[in-house]
């Protein structure tokens, strides 16, 4: 089992013959390989696991998945009694 995070493709480019993209994950942008999602284009939502887009999803499914992940984080925070650490700056 893997955990895939949905994000929106902002930019697509060729990097030494490999299709790469800049993907936005709710304000955090990362480089992602599009080798497994050859039809992904700007505006497409993709599920990303360890830097690879593994499937395309529509916006509704991406939002649904993000809501589930947010709920999981909220449950963990409630259990710990403190907020989870944010991204490193």
N, C-alpha and C. Protein backbone atom coordinates (compact mmCIF):
# COMPACT_ATOMS: atom_id res chain seq x y z
N UNK A 1 0.84 -1.18 0.00
CA UNK A 1 0.00 0.00 0.00
C UNK A 1 0.89 1.24 0.00
N UNK A 2 0.45 2.25 -0.72
CA UNK A 2 1.21 3.51 -0.75
C UNK A 2 0.26 4.66 -0.46
N UNK A 3 0.84 5.77 -0.06
CA UNK A 3 0.06 6.97 0.16
C UNK A 3 0.35 7.93 -0.99
N UNK A 4 -0.66 8.22 -1.76
CA UNK A 4 -0.53 9.16 -2.87
C UNK A 4 -1.23 10.45 -2.52
N UNK A 5 -0.61 11.56 -2.87
CA UNK A 5 -1.14 12.88 -2.55
C UNK A 5 -1.57 13.56 -3.85
N UNK A 6 -2.78 14.11 -3.91
CA UNK A 6 -3.21 14.80 -5.12
C UNK A 6 -2.62 16.20 -5.23
N UNK A 7 -2.29 16.57 -6.46
CA UNK A 7 -1.79 17.91 -6.73
C UNK A 7 -2.15 18.33 -8.14
N UNK A 8 -2.07 19.63 -8.40
CA UNK A 8 -2.43 20.17 -9.72
C UNK A 8 -1.17 20.52 -10.49
N UNK A 9 -1.11 20.07 -11.74
CA UNK A 9 0.03 20.33 -12.61
C UNK A 9 0.02 21.81 -13.02
N UNK A 10 1.12 22.49 -12.74
CA UNK A 10 1.26 23.91 -13.08
C UNK A 10 2.09 24.13 -14.34
N UNK A 11 3.06 23.26 -14.56
CA UNK A 11 3.99 23.42 -15.67
C UNK A 11 4.47 22.04 -16.09
N UNK A 12 4.62 21.82 -17.40
CA UNK A 12 5.16 20.57 -17.94
C UNK A 12 6.38 20.92 -18.76
N UNK A 13 7.44 20.12 -18.62
CA UNK A 13 8.68 20.39 -19.36
C UNK A 13 9.40 19.08 -19.65
N UNK A 14 10.35 19.14 -20.57
CA UNK A 14 11.22 18.02 -20.88
C UNK A 14 12.53 18.22 -20.13
N UNK A 15 12.95 17.20 -19.42
CA UNK A 15 14.21 17.26 -18.68
C UNK A 15 15.05 16.07 -19.12
N UNK A 16 15.93 16.31 -20.09
CA UNK A 16 16.80 15.26 -20.64
C UNK A 16 15.99 14.07 -21.15
N UNK A 17 14.88 14.36 -21.84
CA UNK A 17 14.04 13.31 -22.41
C UNK A 17 13.00 12.74 -21.47
N UNK A 18 12.91 13.26 -20.27
CA UNK A 18 11.94 12.79 -19.28
C UNK A 18 10.91 13.88 -19.04
N UNK A 19 9.61 13.53 -19.16
CA UNK A 19 8.55 14.51 -18.89
C UNK A 19 8.47 14.78 -17.40
N UNK A 20 8.65 16.04 -17.05
CA UNK A 20 8.61 16.47 -15.65
C UNK A 20 7.57 17.58 -15.53
N UNK A 21 7.11 17.80 -14.31
CA UNK A 21 6.13 18.85 -14.06
C UNK A 21 6.40 19.51 -12.72
N UNK A 22 5.95 20.75 -12.62
CA UNK A 22 5.85 21.40 -11.32
C UNK A 22 4.40 21.19 -10.89
N UNK A 23 4.23 20.60 -9.70
CA UNK A 23 2.90 20.27 -9.20
C UNK A 23 2.67 21.01 -7.89
N UNK A 24 1.47 21.58 -7.76
CA UNK A 24 1.09 22.33 -6.56
C UNK A 24 0.26 21.44 -5.64
N UNK A 25 0.71 21.32 -4.39
CA UNK A 25 0.02 20.56 -3.36
C UNK A 25 -0.48 21.55 -2.31
N UNK A 26 -1.50 22.30 -2.62
CA UNK A 26 -2.06 23.25 -1.66
C UNK A 26 -1.09 24.33 -1.23
N UNK A 27 -0.30 24.84 -2.16
CA UNK A 27 0.65 25.90 -1.86
C UNK A 27 2.10 25.44 -1.81
N UNK A 28 2.32 24.16 -1.70
CA UNK A 28 3.67 23.60 -1.74
C UNK A 28 3.91 23.06 -3.14
N UNK A 29 4.97 23.52 -3.78
CA UNK A 29 5.27 23.09 -5.15
C UNK A 29 6.46 22.15 -5.17
N UNK A 30 6.31 21.08 -5.97
CA UNK A 30 7.37 20.08 -6.09
C UNK A 30 7.53 19.66 -7.54
N UNK A 31 8.74 19.22 -7.89
CA UNK A 31 8.98 18.62 -9.19
C UNK A 31 8.51 17.18 -9.15
N UNK A 32 7.81 16.76 -10.21
CA UNK A 32 7.21 15.43 -10.27
C UNK A 32 7.48 14.85 -11.65
N UNK A 33 7.80 13.56 -11.69
CA UNK A 33 7.99 12.85 -12.95
C UNK A 33 6.63 12.42 -13.50
N UNK A 34 6.41 12.66 -14.81
CA UNK A 34 5.15 12.30 -15.46
C UNK A 34 5.27 11.06 -16.34
N UNK A 35 6.32 10.26 -16.17
CA UNK A 35 6.54 9.09 -17.02
C UNK A 35 5.35 8.13 -17.02
N UNK A 36 4.66 7.99 -15.89
CA UNK A 36 3.55 7.05 -15.78
C UNK A 36 2.20 7.68 -16.13
N UNK A 37 2.19 8.97 -16.38
CA UNK A 37 0.94 9.68 -16.74
C UNK A 37 1.20 10.52 -17.99
N UNK A 38 1.36 9.87 -19.14
CA UNK A 38 1.77 10.58 -20.35
C UNK A 38 0.77 11.61 -20.87
N UNK A 39 -0.49 11.54 -20.45
CA UNK A 39 -1.47 12.51 -20.94
C UNK A 39 -1.67 13.68 -19.97
N UNK A 40 -0.98 13.67 -18.84
CA UNK A 40 -1.11 14.77 -17.88
C UNK A 40 -0.66 16.08 -18.52
N UNK A 41 -1.43 17.12 -18.30
CA UNK A 41 -1.15 18.43 -18.88
C UNK A 41 -1.39 19.50 -17.82
N UNK A 42 -1.05 20.73 -18.17
CA UNK A 42 -1.27 21.84 -17.25
C UNK A 42 -2.75 21.87 -16.84
N UNK A 43 -2.99 21.97 -15.54
CA UNK A 43 -4.35 21.98 -15.01
C UNK A 43 -4.86 20.62 -14.58
N UNK A 44 -4.19 19.55 -15.01
CA UNK A 44 -4.57 18.19 -14.64
C UNK A 44 -4.25 17.95 -13.17
N UNK A 45 -5.09 17.18 -12.50
CA UNK A 45 -4.80 16.73 -11.14
C UNK A 45 -4.21 15.33 -11.23
N UNK A 46 -3.13 15.11 -10.49
CA UNK A 46 -2.47 13.81 -10.48
C UNK A 46 -2.28 13.35 -9.03
N UNK A 47 -2.23 12.04 -8.86
CA UNK A 47 -1.88 11.47 -7.56
C UNK A 47 -0.38 11.17 -7.61
N UNK A 48 0.35 11.67 -6.61
CA UNK A 48 1.81 11.57 -6.61
C UNK A 48 2.28 10.72 -5.43
N UNK A 49 3.19 9.80 -5.75
CA UNK A 49 3.83 8.96 -4.73
C UNK A 49 5.33 8.99 -4.98
N UNK A 50 6.09 9.34 -3.99
CA UNK A 50 7.56 9.46 -4.02
C UNK A 50 8.08 10.13 -5.30
N UNK A 51 7.44 11.23 -5.67
CA UNK A 51 7.92 12.03 -6.79
C UNK A 51 7.45 11.61 -8.16
N UNK A 52 6.60 10.59 -8.24
CA UNK A 52 6.06 10.12 -9.51
C UNK A 52 4.55 10.29 -9.53
N UNK A 53 4.02 10.90 -10.60
CA UNK A 53 2.58 10.94 -10.79
C UNK A 53 2.16 9.54 -11.22
N UNK A 54 1.27 8.91 -10.46
CA UNK A 54 0.91 7.52 -10.76
C UNK A 54 -0.46 7.38 -11.42
N UNK A 55 -1.28 8.42 -11.35
CA UNK A 55 -2.57 8.40 -12.03
C UNK A 55 -3.13 9.81 -12.09
N UNK A 56 -4.05 10.02 -13.03
CA UNK A 56 -4.76 11.29 -13.12
C UNK A 56 -6.11 11.15 -12.43
N UNK A 57 -6.57 12.23 -11.81
CA UNK A 57 -7.90 12.26 -11.20
C UNK A 57 -8.56 13.59 -11.55
N UNK A 58 -9.89 13.61 -11.44
CA UNK A 58 -10.57 14.88 -11.69
C UNK A 58 -10.50 15.74 -10.42
N UNK A 59 -10.88 17.00 -10.55
CA UNK A 59 -10.78 17.94 -9.44
C UNK A 59 -11.62 17.50 -8.24
N UNK A 60 -12.79 16.94 -8.49
CA UNK A 60 -13.66 16.50 -7.40
C UNK A 60 -12.99 15.40 -6.58
N UNK A 61 -12.40 14.43 -7.27
CA UNK A 61 -11.71 13.34 -6.56
C UNK A 61 -10.49 13.85 -5.82
N UNK A 62 -9.76 14.79 -6.42
CA UNK A 62 -8.59 15.38 -5.75
C UNK A 62 -9.02 16.07 -4.46
N UNK A 63 -10.09 16.85 -4.50
CA UNK A 63 -10.58 17.54 -3.30
C UNK A 63 -11.07 16.55 -2.24
N UNK A 64 -11.76 15.51 -2.69
CA UNK A 64 -12.25 14.50 -1.75
C UNK A 64 -11.07 13.84 -1.02
N UNK A 65 -10.03 13.50 -1.77
CA UNK A 65 -8.85 12.87 -1.17
C UNK A 65 -8.17 13.83 -0.21
N UNK A 66 -8.03 15.10 -0.59
CA UNK A 66 -7.41 16.08 0.30
C UNK A 66 -8.22 16.25 1.59
N UNK A 67 -9.54 16.23 1.48
CA UNK A 67 -10.38 16.35 2.67
C UNK A 67 -10.18 15.17 3.62
N UNK A 68 -10.04 13.96 3.06
CA UNK A 68 -9.78 12.78 3.89
C UNK A 68 -8.43 12.93 4.59
N UNK A 69 -7.41 13.37 3.87
CA UNK A 69 -6.08 13.55 4.47
C UNK A 69 -6.11 14.61 5.56
N UNK A 70 -6.85 15.71 5.33
CA UNK A 70 -6.98 16.75 6.36
C UNK A 70 -7.67 16.21 7.61
N UNK A 71 -8.71 15.40 7.41
CA UNK A 71 -9.42 14.81 8.54
C UNK A 71 -8.50 13.88 9.33
N UNK A 72 -7.68 13.11 8.63
CA UNK A 72 -6.73 12.23 9.31
C UNK A 72 -5.74 13.05 10.13
N UNK A 73 -5.23 14.14 9.56
CA UNK A 73 -4.29 15.00 10.29
C UNK A 73 -4.97 15.60 11.51
N UNK A 74 -6.22 16.02 11.37
CA UNK A 74 -6.96 16.58 12.49
C UNK A 74 -7.15 15.56 13.61
N UNK A 75 -7.41 14.31 13.25
CA UNK A 75 -7.57 13.26 14.25
C UNK A 75 -6.27 13.02 15.00
N UNK A 76 -5.16 13.03 14.28
CA UNK A 76 -3.85 12.84 14.92
C UNK A 76 -3.55 14.00 15.86
N UNK A 77 -3.83 15.23 15.41
CA UNK A 77 -3.60 16.40 16.26
C UNK A 77 -4.46 16.33 17.53
N UNK A 78 -5.70 15.90 17.38
CA UNK A 78 -6.58 15.79 18.55
C UNK A 78 -6.04 14.75 19.53
N UNK A 79 -5.53 13.66 19.00
CA UNK A 79 -4.97 12.61 19.86
C UNK A 79 -3.72 13.10 20.58
N UNK A 80 -2.87 13.85 19.86
CA UNK A 80 -1.63 14.35 20.46
C UNK A 80 -1.86 15.54 21.37
N UNK A 81 -2.94 16.28 21.11
CA UNK A 81 -3.21 17.48 21.89
C UNK A 81 -2.38 18.67 21.47
N UNK A 82 -1.78 18.58 20.28
CA UNK A 82 -0.98 19.69 19.75
C UNK A 82 -0.95 19.58 18.23
N UNK A 83 -0.65 20.70 17.56
CA UNK A 83 -0.62 20.65 16.10
C UNK A 83 0.57 19.84 15.60
N UNK A 84 0.37 19.24 14.43
CA UNK A 84 1.47 18.54 13.77
C UNK A 84 2.48 19.57 13.28
N UNK A 85 3.75 19.20 13.20
CA UNK A 85 4.74 20.15 12.68
C UNK A 85 4.45 20.48 11.22
N UNK A 86 4.70 21.73 10.84
CA UNK A 86 4.50 22.15 9.46
C UNK A 86 5.72 21.85 8.61
N UNK A 87 5.68 22.26 7.35
CA UNK A 87 6.82 22.05 6.46
C UNK A 87 8.05 22.78 6.98
N UNK A 88 9.20 22.19 6.74
CA UNK A 88 10.47 22.83 7.13
C UNK A 88 10.68 24.08 6.30
N UNK A 89 11.18 25.11 6.93
CA UNK A 89 11.43 26.36 6.20
C UNK A 89 12.90 26.64 6.12
